[in-house]
Amino acid sequence: MPQVFSLKEKEELRQKMLASGFELLKKHGMTHTSIEKVTQAVGLGRSTFYNFFPTKEKFIYEIICYQREKAMVKFHKILNGRQKMTVAEAKEYLRYLYSGDDTIYPYLTTTDEAKLQAALPDDFVVDVELEIHTIDNFLNHMEGVRENLDYPVIANLMKTFALVQEAKDMMHQEALGRTLDSLFELLFSFMFYLEE
């Protein structure tokens, strides 16, 4: 007989699966993060997984969304009721987004990204207008933002962080940190007035 969960239990289990899935993804990568490993980590049977997520790809996509939600919580925590964060806070937050403990990019490969895109075409499509709107909303909460922003370049630089980390095996490892630092400085120069 299948297990029956209350709505509260189901949401708690879903959150545990997403958190455990992210930890497994960090440890094993997408290919080796199996449904069995996820369900074992939360003490459920394999078939119960499908009561929560229709496919492994949808589960990984939900982890990405879960991590984005955590990033928004951190964003609001930094603001702490203020309208805008300082340039220093904004830079620190951007570094957290792309290279912090909660970022998923270093644990996905370009092959993983292609699998997700193939399995989730409606969810994973690039929406330029949405990207620009998201960046604009984000920057409205920051001090020192340039006028006449080049949104497509900013969006491309943000994507470059993800791509560099997804293809880190192809990069010069000893220079990866310096490369990311250089990309951050370039991104900051497009977003903020340079400090004198």
N, C-alpha and C. Protein backbone atom coordinates (compact mmCIF):
# COMPACT_ATOMS: atom_id res chain seq x y z
N MET A 1 0.84 -1.18 0.00
CA MET A 1 0.00 0.00 0.00
C MET A 1 0.89 1.25 0.00
N PRO A 2 0.65 2.20 -0.92
CA PRO A 2 1.48 3.40 -0.98
C PRO A 2 1.31 4.27 0.27
N GLN A 3 2.40 4.96 0.63
CA GLN A 3 2.35 5.84 1.78
C GLN A 3 1.47 7.04 1.47
N VAL A 4 0.73 7.49 2.48
CA VAL A 4 -0.10 8.68 2.34
C VAL A 4 0.48 9.75 3.26
N PHE A 5 0.71 10.93 2.69
CA PHE A 5 1.29 12.02 3.46
C PHE A 5 0.31 13.17 3.53
N SER A 6 0.31 13.86 4.67
CA SER A 6 -0.47 15.09 4.76
C SER A 6 0.22 16.14 3.89
N LEU A 7 -0.45 17.24 3.60
CA LEU A 7 0.16 18.30 2.80
C LEU A 7 1.41 18.84 3.47
N LYS A 8 1.36 18.98 4.79
CA LYS A 8 2.52 19.48 5.53
C LYS A 8 3.69 18.49 5.43
N GLU A 9 3.40 17.20 5.63
CA GLU A 9 4.44 16.17 5.53
C GLU A 9 5.03 16.12 4.13
N LYS A 10 4.15 16.24 3.14
CA LYS A 10 4.61 16.18 1.76
C LYS A 10 5.55 17.35 1.45
N GLU A 11 5.21 18.54 1.92
CA GLU A 11 6.06 19.71 1.69
C GLU A 11 7.39 19.58 2.43
N GLU A 12 7.34 19.07 3.66
CA GLU A 12 8.58 18.86 4.43
C GLU A 12 9.48 17.84 3.74
N LEU A 13 8.89 16.76 3.25
CA LEU A 13 9.68 15.74 2.53
C LEU A 13 10.25 16.30 1.23
N ARG A 14 9.45 17.08 0.53
CA ARG A 14 9.90 17.70 -0.71
C ARG A 14 11.12 18.58 -0.43
N GLN A 15 11.05 19.40 0.61
CA GLN A 15 12.16 20.28 0.98
C GLN A 15 13.40 19.45 1.35
N LYS A 16 13.20 18.36 2.09
CA LYS A 16 14.33 17.49 2.46
C LYS A 16 14.95 16.86 1.22
N MET A 17 14.11 16.43 0.28
CA MET A 17 14.62 15.82 -0.95
C MET A 17 15.43 16.84 -1.75
N LEU A 18 14.94 18.07 -1.84
CA LEU A 18 15.66 19.10 -2.58
C LEU A 18 17.00 19.42 -1.91
N ALA A 19 16.99 19.56 -0.59
CA ALA A 19 18.24 19.85 0.13
C ALA A 19 19.22 18.68 0.01
N SER A 20 18.73 17.46 0.18
CA SER A 20 19.59 16.28 0.04
C SER A 20 20.07 16.12 -1.39
N GLY A 21 19.18 16.38 -2.33
CA GLY A 21 19.54 16.30 -3.75
C GLY A 21 20.66 17.26 -4.10
N PHE A 22 20.60 18.47 -3.55
CA PHE A 22 21.65 19.45 -3.82
C PHE A 22 22.99 18.97 -3.26
N GLU A 23 22.97 18.44 -2.04
CA GLU A 23 24.21 17.92 -1.44
C GLU A 23 24.76 16.75 -2.26
N LEU A 24 23.88 15.87 -2.72
CA LEU A 24 24.32 14.74 -3.55
C LEU A 24 24.86 15.24 -4.89
N LEU A 25 24.21 16.24 -5.46
CA LEU A 25 24.66 16.83 -6.72
C LEU A 25 26.06 17.42 -6.56
N LYS A 26 26.31 18.10 -5.45
CA LYS A 26 27.63 18.66 -5.18
C LYS A 26 28.68 17.56 -5.06
N LYS A 27 28.28 16.44 -4.48
CA LYS A 27 29.21 15.34 -4.24
C LYS A 27 29.43 14.46 -5.47
N HIS A 28 28.34 14.16 -6.20
CA HIS A 28 28.41 13.17 -7.27
C HIS A 28 28.18 13.71 -8.68
N GLY A 29 27.71 14.95 -8.82
CA GLY A 29 27.35 15.47 -10.13
C GLY A 29 25.97 14.96 -10.53
N MET A 30 25.41 15.53 -11.58
CA MET A 30 24.04 15.18 -12.00
C MET A 30 23.92 13.72 -12.43
N THR A 31 24.88 13.25 -13.21
CA THR A 31 24.80 11.90 -13.75
C THR A 31 24.73 10.85 -12.65
N HIS A 32 25.52 11.04 -11.59
CA HIS A 32 25.61 10.03 -10.53
C HIS A 32 24.76 10.34 -9.30
N THR A 33 23.93 11.38 -9.41
CA THR A 33 22.94 11.64 -8.36
C THR A 33 21.69 10.87 -8.77
N SER A 34 21.58 9.68 -8.26
CA SER A 34 20.47 8.81 -8.67
C SER A 34 19.24 9.03 -7.80
N ILE A 35 18.12 8.63 -8.32
CA ILE A 35 16.87 8.69 -7.57
C ILE A 35 17.00 7.85 -6.30
N GLU A 36 17.67 6.70 -6.40
CA GLU A 36 17.88 5.83 -5.23
C GLU A 36 18.65 6.55 -4.13
N LYS A 37 19.71 7.26 -4.52
CA LYS A 37 20.50 7.99 -3.53
C LYS A 37 19.66 9.07 -2.84
N VAL A 38 18.84 9.74 -3.61
CA VAL A 38 18.01 10.81 -3.05
C VAL A 38 17.00 10.23 -2.06
N THR A 39 16.29 9.19 -2.48
CA THR A 39 15.26 8.62 -1.60
C THR A 39 15.89 7.96 -0.37
N GLN A 40 17.05 7.34 -0.51
CA GLN A 40 17.74 6.76 0.64
C GLN A 40 18.13 7.85 1.63
N ALA A 41 18.56 8.98 1.12
CA ALA A 41 19.01 10.08 1.98
C ALA A 41 17.89 10.61 2.87
N VAL A 42 16.64 10.48 2.41
CA VAL A 42 15.51 10.98 3.21
C VAL A 42 14.66 9.84 3.78
N GLY A 43 15.10 8.60 3.58
CA GLY A 43 14.40 7.46 4.18
C GLY A 43 13.10 7.07 3.50
N LEU A 44 13.06 7.21 2.18
CA LEU A 44 11.86 6.83 1.41
C LEU A 44 12.21 5.73 0.42
N GLY A 45 11.19 5.05 -0.06
CA GLY A 45 11.37 4.07 -1.12
C GLY A 45 11.50 4.76 -2.46
N ARG A 46 12.18 4.12 -3.41
CA ARG A 46 12.44 4.71 -4.73
C ARG A 46 11.16 5.16 -5.42
N SER A 47 10.13 4.34 -5.39
CA SER A 47 8.90 4.68 -6.12
C SER A 47 8.20 5.91 -5.54
N THR A 48 8.45 6.22 -4.27
CA THR A 48 7.84 7.39 -3.65
C THR A 48 8.33 8.69 -4.29
N PHE A 49 9.55 8.65 -4.84
CA PHE A 49 10.12 9.82 -5.51
C PHE A 49 9.13 10.40 -6.52
N TYR A 50 8.47 9.50 -7.27
CA TYR A 50 7.59 9.94 -8.36
C TYR A 50 6.29 10.56 -7.86
N ASN A 51 6.02 10.47 -6.57
CA ASN A 51 4.88 11.20 -6.00
C ASN A 51 5.22 12.69 -5.87
N PHE A 52 6.51 13.00 -5.93
CA PHE A 52 6.97 14.37 -5.75
C PHE A 52 7.47 15.00 -7.05
N PHE A 53 8.14 14.21 -7.87
CA PHE A 53 8.77 14.73 -9.09
C PHE A 53 8.56 13.72 -10.21
N PRO A 54 8.13 14.17 -11.40
CA PRO A 54 7.86 13.23 -12.49
C PRO A 54 9.10 12.61 -13.11
N THR A 55 10.23 13.36 -13.10
CA THR A 55 11.47 12.87 -13.70
C THR A 55 12.67 13.40 -12.91
N LYS A 56 13.80 12.79 -13.13
CA LYS A 56 15.04 13.25 -12.49
C LYS A 56 15.37 14.67 -12.96
N GLU A 57 15.17 14.95 -14.25
CA GLU A 57 15.47 16.28 -14.79
C GLU A 57 14.59 17.35 -14.14
N LYS A 58 13.33 17.03 -13.96
CA LYS A 58 12.43 17.98 -13.28
C LYS A 58 12.88 18.19 -11.84
N PHE A 59 13.36 17.13 -11.19
CA PHE A 59 13.88 17.23 -9.84
C PHE A 59 15.09 18.18 -9.80
N ILE A 60 16.02 18.01 -10.73
CA ILE A 60 17.20 18.88 -10.78
C ILE A 60 16.77 20.32 -11.02
N TYR A 61 15.81 20.51 -11.92
CA TYR A 61 15.29 21.86 -12.17
C TYR A 61 14.68 22.44 -10.90
N GLU A 62 13.98 21.63 -10.13
CA GLU A 62 13.39 22.09 -8.86
C GLU A 62 14.49 22.44 -7.85
N ILE A 63 15.62 21.73 -7.89
CA ILE A 63 16.75 22.09 -7.03
C ILE A 63 17.25 23.48 -7.42
N ILE A 64 17.37 23.74 -8.72
CA ILE A 64 17.80 25.05 -9.19
C ILE A 64 16.84 26.13 -8.66
N CYS A 65 15.55 25.89 -8.77
CA CYS A 65 14.54 26.85 -8.27
C CYS A 65 14.65 27.01 -6.75
N TYR A 66 14.87 25.90 -6.05
CA TYR A 66 15.02 25.91 -4.59
C TYR A 66 16.23 26.76 -4.19
N GLN A 67 17.34 26.62 -4.91
CA GLN A 67 18.53 27.41 -4.62
C GLN A 67 18.29 28.89 -4.93
N ARG A 68 17.52 29.17 -5.98
CA ARG A 68 17.18 30.57 -6.30
C ARG A 68 16.35 31.19 -5.18
N GLU A 69 15.43 30.41 -4.63
CA GLU A 69 14.61 30.90 -3.52
C GLU A 69 15.50 31.23 -2.32
N LYS A 70 16.47 30.37 -2.03
CA LYS A 70 17.41 30.64 -0.93
C LYS A 70 18.20 31.92 -1.20
N ALA A 71 18.57 32.13 -2.46
CA ALA A 71 19.31 33.33 -2.83
C ALA A 71 18.45 34.58 -2.61
N MET A 72 17.15 34.48 -2.89
CA MET A 72 16.26 35.63 -2.67
C MET A 72 16.11 35.93 -1.18
N VAL A 73 16.08 34.89 -0.37
CA VAL A 73 16.01 35.09 1.09
C VAL A 73 17.25 35.84 1.55
N LYS A 74 18.41 35.44 1.04
CA LYS A 74 19.67 36.12 1.40
C LYS A 74 19.63 37.57 0.91
N PHE A 75 19.10 37.80 -0.27
CA PHE A 75 18.99 39.14 -0.84
C PHE A 75 18.19 40.05 0.10
N HIS A 76 17.04 39.57 0.55
CA HIS A 76 16.19 40.36 1.45
C HIS A 76 16.82 40.51 2.83
N LYS A 77 17.57 39.52 3.24
CA LYS A 77 18.27 39.60 4.53
C LYS A 77 19.33 40.69 4.48
N ILE A 78 20.06 40.79 3.36
CA ILE A 78 21.06 41.85 3.20
C ILE A 78 20.38 43.22 3.23
N LEU A 79 19.26 43.35 2.51
CA LEU A 79 18.53 44.63 2.50
C LEU A 79 18.05 44.99 3.90
N ASN A 80 17.59 44.00 4.66
CA ASN A 80 17.16 44.21 6.04
C ASN A 80 16.21 45.40 6.19
N GLY A 81 15.23 45.47 5.29
CA GLY A 81 14.21 46.52 5.36
C GLY A 81 14.59 47.80 4.62
N ARG A 82 15.84 47.91 4.18
CA ARG A 82 16.26 49.10 3.43
C ARG A 82 15.79 48.99 1.99
N GLN A 83 15.78 50.10 1.30
CA GLN A 83 15.41 50.11 -0.11
C GLN A 83 16.56 49.63 -0.99
N LYS A 84 17.80 49.98 -0.60
CA LYS A 84 18.95 49.67 -1.44
C LYS A 84 20.12 49.14 -0.61
N MET A 85 20.88 48.24 -1.21
CA MET A 85 22.12 47.78 -0.59
C MET A 85 23.28 48.59 -1.15
N THR A 86 24.35 48.66 -0.39
CA THR A 86 25.53 49.39 -0.84
C THR A 86 26.19 48.66 -2.00
N VAL A 87 27.08 49.35 -2.69
CA VAL A 87 27.82 48.72 -3.79
C VAL A 87 28.63 47.54 -3.26
N ALA A 88 29.26 47.71 -2.09
CA ALA A 88 30.05 46.61 -1.51
C ALA A 88 29.16 45.40 -1.22
N GLU A 89 27.98 45.64 -0.66
CA GLU A 89 27.04 44.54 -0.39
C GLU A 89 26.57 43.90 -1.69
N ALA A 90 26.31 44.73 -2.70
CA ALA A 90 25.85 44.21 -3.99
C ALA A 90 26.91 43.32 -4.62
N LYS A 91 28.17 43.76 -4.57
CA LYS A 91 29.26 42.96 -5.13
C LYS A 91 29.41 41.65 -4.37
N GLU A 92 29.32 41.71 -3.05
CA GLU A 92 29.41 40.49 -2.25
C GLU A 92 28.27 39.53 -2.59
N TYR A 93 27.08 40.07 -2.76
CA TYR A 93 25.93 39.23 -3.10
C TYR A 93 26.11 38.58 -4.47
N LEU A 94 26.60 39.35 -5.45
CA LEU A 94 26.82 38.79 -6.78
C LEU A 94 27.87 37.67 -6.75
N ARG A 95 28.90 37.86 -5.96
CA ARG A 95 29.90 36.78 -5.81
C ARG A 95 29.26 35.54 -5.19
N TYR A 96 28.42 35.76 -4.19
CA TYR A 96 27.70 34.63 -3.56
C TYR A 96 26.84 33.91 -4.59
N LEU A 97 26.13 34.66 -5.44
CA LEU A 97 25.25 34.04 -6.43
C LEU A 97 26.00 33.10 -7.36
N TYR A 98 27.20 33.49 -7.75
CA TYR A 98 27.90 32.72 -8.77
C TYR A 98 29.04 31.85 -8.26
N SER A 99 29.45 32.07 -7.01
CA SER A 99 30.54 31.22 -6.51
C SER A 99 30.40 30.87 -5.04
N GLY A 100 29.24 31.12 -4.46
CA GLY A 100 29.00 30.80 -3.06
C GLY A 100 28.62 29.34 -2.85
N ASP A 101 28.45 28.97 -1.61
CA ASP A 101 28.12 27.58 -1.24
C ASP A 101 26.78 27.12 -1.81
N ASP A 102 25.87 28.06 -2.05
CA ASP A 102 24.53 27.69 -2.51
C ASP A 102 24.37 27.70 -4.02
N THR A 103 25.42 28.05 -4.75
CA THR A 103 25.29 28.08 -6.21
C THR A 103 25.39 26.67 -6.78
N ILE A 104 24.62 26.41 -7.80
CA ILE A 104 24.57 25.07 -8.40
C ILE A 104 25.52 24.95 -9.59
N TYR A 105 25.92 26.09 -10.17
CA TYR A 105 26.69 26.08 -11.42
C TYR A 105 27.95 25.23 -11.41
N PRO A 106 28.75 25.24 -10.34
CA PRO A 106 29.97 24.43 -10.39
C PRO A 106 29.72 22.92 -10.45
N TYR A 107 28.49 22.50 -10.19
CA TYR A 107 28.19 21.07 -10.08
C TYR A 107 27.44 20.52 -11.29
N LEU A 108 27.14 21.40 -12.24
CA LEU A 108 26.54 20.96 -13.50
C LEU A 108 27.58 21.07 -14.60
N THR A 109 27.44 20.23 -15.59
CA THR A 109 28.32 20.31 -16.75
C THR A 109 27.51 20.85 -17.92
N THR A 110 28.18 21.16 -19.00
CA THR A 110 27.46 21.62 -20.19
C THR A 110 26.58 20.49 -20.73
N THR A 111 27.00 19.24 -20.54
CA THR A 111 26.17 18.09 -20.94
C THR A 111 24.91 18.03 -20.09
N ASP A 112 25.06 18.25 -18.77
CA ASP A 112 23.90 18.28 -17.88
C ASP A 112 22.91 19.36 -18.32
N GLU A 113 23.46 20.52 -18.62
CA GLU A 113 22.63 21.66 -19.05
C GLU A 113 21.85 21.29 -20.32
N ALA A 114 22.52 20.61 -21.25
CA ALA A 114 21.85 20.20 -22.49
C ALA A 114 20.74 19.19 -22.21
N LYS A 115 21.00 18.25 -21.28
CA LYS A 115 19.97 17.26 -20.90
C LYS A 115 18.76 17.96 -20.29
N LEU A 116 19.02 18.92 -19.43
CA LEU A 116 17.92 19.66 -18.80
C LEU A 116 17.14 20.44 -19.85
N GLN A 117 17.86 21.08 -20.75
CA GLN A 117 17.20 21.87 -21.79
C GLN A 117 16.34 20.98 -22.69
N ALA A 118 16.82 19.79 -23.00
CA ALA A 118 16.05 18.86 -23.85
C ALA A 118 14.82 18.33 -23.12
N ALA A 119 14.96 18.09 -21.81
CA ALA A 119 13.84 17.51 -21.04
C ALA A 119 12.84 18.56 -20.59
N LEU A 120 13.27 19.82 -20.51
CA LEU A 120 12.41 20.88 -19.98
C LEU A 120 12.37 22.07 -20.93
N PRO A 121 11.99 21.87 -22.18
CA PRO A 121 12.09 22.97 -23.14
C PRO A 121 11.26 24.20 -22.75
N ASP A 122 10.10 24.02 -22.17
CA ASP A 122 9.27 25.17 -21.82
C ASP A 122 9.80 25.89 -20.58
N ASP A 123 10.40 25.16 -19.67
CA ASP A 123 10.88 25.75 -18.42
C ASP A 123 12.27 26.35 -18.55
N PHE A 124 13.05 25.88 -19.49
CA PHE A 124 14.46 26.23 -19.54
C PHE A 124 14.80 27.17 -20.69
N VAL A 125 13.80 27.66 -21.36
CA VAL A 125 14.02 28.51 -22.53
C VAL A 125 14.57 29.87 -22.09
N VAL A 126 15.44 30.45 -22.91
CA VAL A 126 15.98 31.78 -22.62
C VAL A 126 14.93 32.81 -23.00
N ASP A 127 14.53 33.61 -22.04
CA ASP A 127 13.56 34.69 -22.26
C ASP A 127 14.29 36.00 -21.99
N VAL A 128 14.70 36.67 -23.07
CA VAL A 128 15.51 37.88 -22.97
C VAL A 128 14.78 38.97 -22.20
N GLU A 129 13.50 39.16 -22.48
CA GLU A 129 12.73 40.20 -21.79
C GLU A 129 12.65 39.93 -20.29
N LEU A 130 12.46 38.67 -19.93
CA LEU A 130 12.41 38.31 -18.51
C LEU A 130 13.76 38.53 -17.84
N GLU A 131 14.84 38.19 -18.55
CA GLU A 131 16.18 38.41 -18.00
C GLU A 131 16.42 39.89 -17.73
N ILE A 132 16.08 40.73 -18.68
CA ILE A 132 16.27 42.18 -18.52
C ILE A 132 15.43 42.71 -17.37
N HIS A 133 14.19 42.24 -17.28
CA HIS A 133 13.30 42.65 -16.20
C HIS A 133 13.87 42.22 -14.84
N THR A 134 14.39 41.00 -14.75
CA THR A 134 14.96 40.48 -13.52
C THR A 134 16.20 41.29 -13.10
N ILE A 135 17.09 41.54 -14.07
CA ILE A 135 18.29 42.33 -13.77
C ILE A 135 17.90 43.73 -13.32
N ASP A 136 16.93 44.34 -14.01
CA ASP A 136 16.48 45.68 -13.66
C ASP A 136 15.91 45.72 -12.24
N ASN A 137 15.06 44.75 -11.90
CA ASN A 137 14.51 44.69 -10.54
C ASN A 137 15.62 44.53 -9.50
N PHE A 138 16.57 43.71 -9.82
CA PHE A 138 17.71 43.46 -8.94
C PHE A 138 18.49 44.76 -8.71
N LEU A 139 18.82 45.46 -9.79
CA LEU A 139 19.64 46.66 -9.71
C LEU A 139 18.89 47.84 -9.08
N ASN A 140 17.58 47.82 -9.13
CA ASN A 140 16.79 48.88 -8.48
C ASN A 140 16.99 48.89 -6.97
N HIS A 141 17.53 47.81 -6.43
CA HIS A 141 17.77 47.71 -4.99
C HIS A 141 19.24 47.89 -4.63
N MET A 142 19.99 48.55 -5.53
CA MET A 142 21.42 48.74 -5.30
C MET A 142 21.81 50.19 -5.55
N GLU A 143 22.75 50.65 -4.74
CA GLU A 143 23.29 52.00 -4.91
C GLU A 143 24.38 51.98 -5.97
N GLY A 144 24.67 53.16 -6.53
CA GLY A 144 25.82 53.31 -7.43
C GLY A 144 25.68 52.66 -8.78
N VAL A 145 24.44 52.38 -9.21
CA VAL A 145 24.22 51.71 -10.49
C VAL A 145 24.36 52.72 -11.63
N ARG A 146 25.05 52.31 -12.67
CA ARG A 146 25.25 53.15 -13.86
C ARG A 146 23.92 53.48 -14.53
N GLU A 147 23.91 54.58 -15.24
CA GLU A 147 22.78 54.90 -16.11
C GLU A 147 23.04 54.23 -17.45
N ASN A 148 22.02 54.09 -18.26
CA ASN A 148 22.15 53.52 -19.61
C ASN A 148 22.88 52.18 -19.60
N LEU A 149 22.37 51.25 -18.79
CA LEU A 149 22.97 49.93 -18.67
C LEU A 149 22.84 49.14 -19.97
N ASP A 150 23.84 48.36 -20.27
CA ASP A 150 23.81 47.47 -21.42
C ASP A 150 23.34 46.10 -20.92
N TYR A 151 22.02 45.93 -20.81
CA TYR A 151 21.44 44.73 -20.20
C TYR A 151 21.86 43.43 -20.88
N PRO A 152 21.88 43.37 -22.21
CA PRO A 152 22.30 42.11 -22.84
C PRO A 152 23.74 41.71 -22.47
N VAL A 153 24.65 42.69 -22.38
CA VAL A 153 26.03 42.37 -22.00
C VAL A 153 26.07 41.90 -20.55
N ILE A 154 25.33 42.56 -19.67
CA ILE A 154 25.27 42.14 -18.26
C ILE A 154 24.74 40.72 -18.16
N ALA A 155 23.65 40.43 -18.90
CA ALA A 155 23.08 39.07 -18.88
C ALA A 155 24.08 38.06 -19.41
N ASN A 156 24.78 38.40 -20.48
CA ASN A 156 25.78 37.48 -21.04
C ASN A 156 26.93 37.25 -20.07
N LEU A 157 27.37 38.29 -19.37
CA LEU A 157 28.44 38.11 -18.40
C LEU A 157 27.98 37.21 -17.26
N MET A 158 26.75 37.38 -16.82
CA MET A 158 26.22 36.52 -15.76
C MET A 158 26.17 35.07 -16.23
N LYS A 159 25.75 34.86 -17.47
CA LYS A 159 25.72 33.49 -18.01
C LYS A 159 27.13 32.94 -18.17
N THR A 160 28.09 33.81 -18.47
CA THR A 160 29.47 33.38 -18.64
C THR A 160 30.00 32.75 -17.35
N PHE A 161 29.61 33.31 -16.19
CA PHE A 161 30.03 32.71 -14.92
C PHE A 161 29.57 31.27 -14.83
N ALA A 162 28.31 31.06 -15.16
CA ALA A 162 27.76 29.70 -15.10
C ALA A 162 28.48 28.79 -16.08
N LEU A 163 28.69 29.27 -17.30
CA LEU A 163 29.33 28.44 -18.33
C LEU A 163 30.78 28.10 -17.97
N VAL A 164 31.50 29.07 -17.43
CA VAL A 164 32.89 28.82 -17.03
C VAL A 164 32.93 27.73 -15.96
N GLN A 165 32.02 27.83 -15.00
CA GLN A 165 32.02 26.84 -13.92
C GLN A 165 31.54 25.47 -14.41
N GLU A 166 30.60 25.46 -15.35
CA GLU A 166 30.13 24.18 -15.89
C GLU A 166 31.22 23.51 -16.72
N ALA A 167 32.08 24.30 -17.33
CA ALA A 167 33.15 23.76 -18.17
C ALA A 167 34.51 23.86 -17.47
N LYS A 168 34.50 23.85 -16.14
CA LYS A 168 35.74 24.06 -15.37
C LYS A 168 36.82 23.03 -15.70
N ASP A 169 36.42 21.83 -16.11
CA ASP A 169 37.41 20.80 -16.46
C ASP A 169 38.21 21.19 -17.69
N MET A 170 37.69 22.10 -18.50
CA MET A 170 38.38 22.54 -19.71
C MET A 170 39.24 23.78 -19.44
N MET A 171 39.15 24.33 -18.24
CA MET A 171 39.86 25.56 -17.89
C MET A 171 41.21 25.24 -17.24
N HIS A 172 42.09 26.22 -17.24
CA HIS A 172 43.35 26.10 -16.51
C HIS A 172 43.01 26.24 -15.03
N GLN A 173 43.09 25.15 -14.30
CA GLN A 173 42.64 25.11 -12.91
C GLN A 173 43.36 26.13 -12.02
N GLU A 174 44.68 26.29 -12.24
CA GLU A 174 45.43 27.20 -11.39
C GLU A 174 45.01 28.66 -11.59
N ALA A 175 44.34 28.93 -12.71
CA ALA A 175 43.92 30.31 -13.01
C ALA A 175 42.41 30.49 -12.91
N LEU A 176 41.67 29.46 -12.51
CA LEU A 176 40.22 29.57 -12.50
C LEU A 176 39.72 30.66 -11.54
N GLY A 177 40.26 30.70 -10.35
CA GLY A 177 39.85 31.73 -9.38
C GLY A 177 40.14 33.13 -9.90
N ARG A 178 41.32 33.32 -10.48
CA ARG A 178 41.69 34.63 -11.03
C ARG A 178 40.81 34.99 -12.22
N THR A 179 40.45 33.99 -13.01
CA THR A 179 39.58 34.22 -14.15
C THR A 179 38.21 34.70 -13.68
N LEU A 180 37.65 34.01 -12.69
CA LEU A 180 36.35 34.41 -12.16
C LEU A 180 36.42 35.80 -11.53
N ASP A 181 37.50 36.08 -10.82
CA ASP A 181 37.67 37.42 -10.24
C ASP A 181 37.69 38.49 -11.33
N SER A 182 38.38 38.20 -12.43
CA SER A 182 38.45 39.16 -13.54
C SER A 182 37.07 39.35 -14.17
N LEU A 183 36.33 38.26 -14.31
CA LEU A 183 34.96 38.36 -14.85
C LEU A 183 34.08 39.18 -13.92
N PHE A 184 34.22 38.97 -12.61
CA PHE A 184 33.45 39.77 -11.65
C PHE A 184 33.75 41.25 -11.82
N GLU A 185 35.04 41.58 -11.91
CA GLU A 185 35.41 42.99 -12.05
C GLU A 185 34.84 43.58 -13.34
N LEU A 186 34.85 42.79 -14.41
CA LEU A 186 34.27 43.25 -15.67
C LEU A 186 32.76 43.48 -15.51
N LEU A 187 32.08 42.52 -14.89
CA LEU A 187 30.64 42.66 -14.64
C LEU A 187 30.37 43.90 -13.81
N PHE A 188 31.13 44.09 -12.73
CA PHE A 188 30.92 45.25 -11.87
C PHE A 188 31.11 46.55 -12.65
N SER A 189 32.07 46.57 -13.58
CA SER A 189 32.32 47.80 -14.35
C SER A 189 31.14 48.13 -15.26
N PHE A 190 30.38 47.13 -15.67
CA PHE A 190 29.19 47.37 -16.49
C PHE A 190 27.98 47.75 -15.66
N MET A 191 28.01 47.44 -14.37
CA MET A 191 26.84 47.66 -13.52
C MET A 191 26.97 48.91 -12.64
N PHE A 192 28.17 49.15 -12.12
CA PHE A 192 28.35 50.20 -11.11
C PHE A 192 29.34 51.25 -11.58
N TYR A 193 29.16 52.47 -11.08
CA TYR A 193 30.17 53.50 -11.31
C TYR A 193 31.45 53.07 -10.61
N LEU A 194 32.56 53.24 -11.27
CA LEU A 194 33.84 52.83 -10.70
C LEU A 194 34.19 53.74 -9.54
N GLU A 195 34.69 53.12 -8.46
CA GLU A 195 35.09 53.89 -7.29
C GLU A 195 36.42 54.56 -7.57
N GLU A 196 36.56 55.78 -7.13
CA GLU A 196 37.81 56.51 -7.39
C GLU A 196 38.66 56.54 -6.16
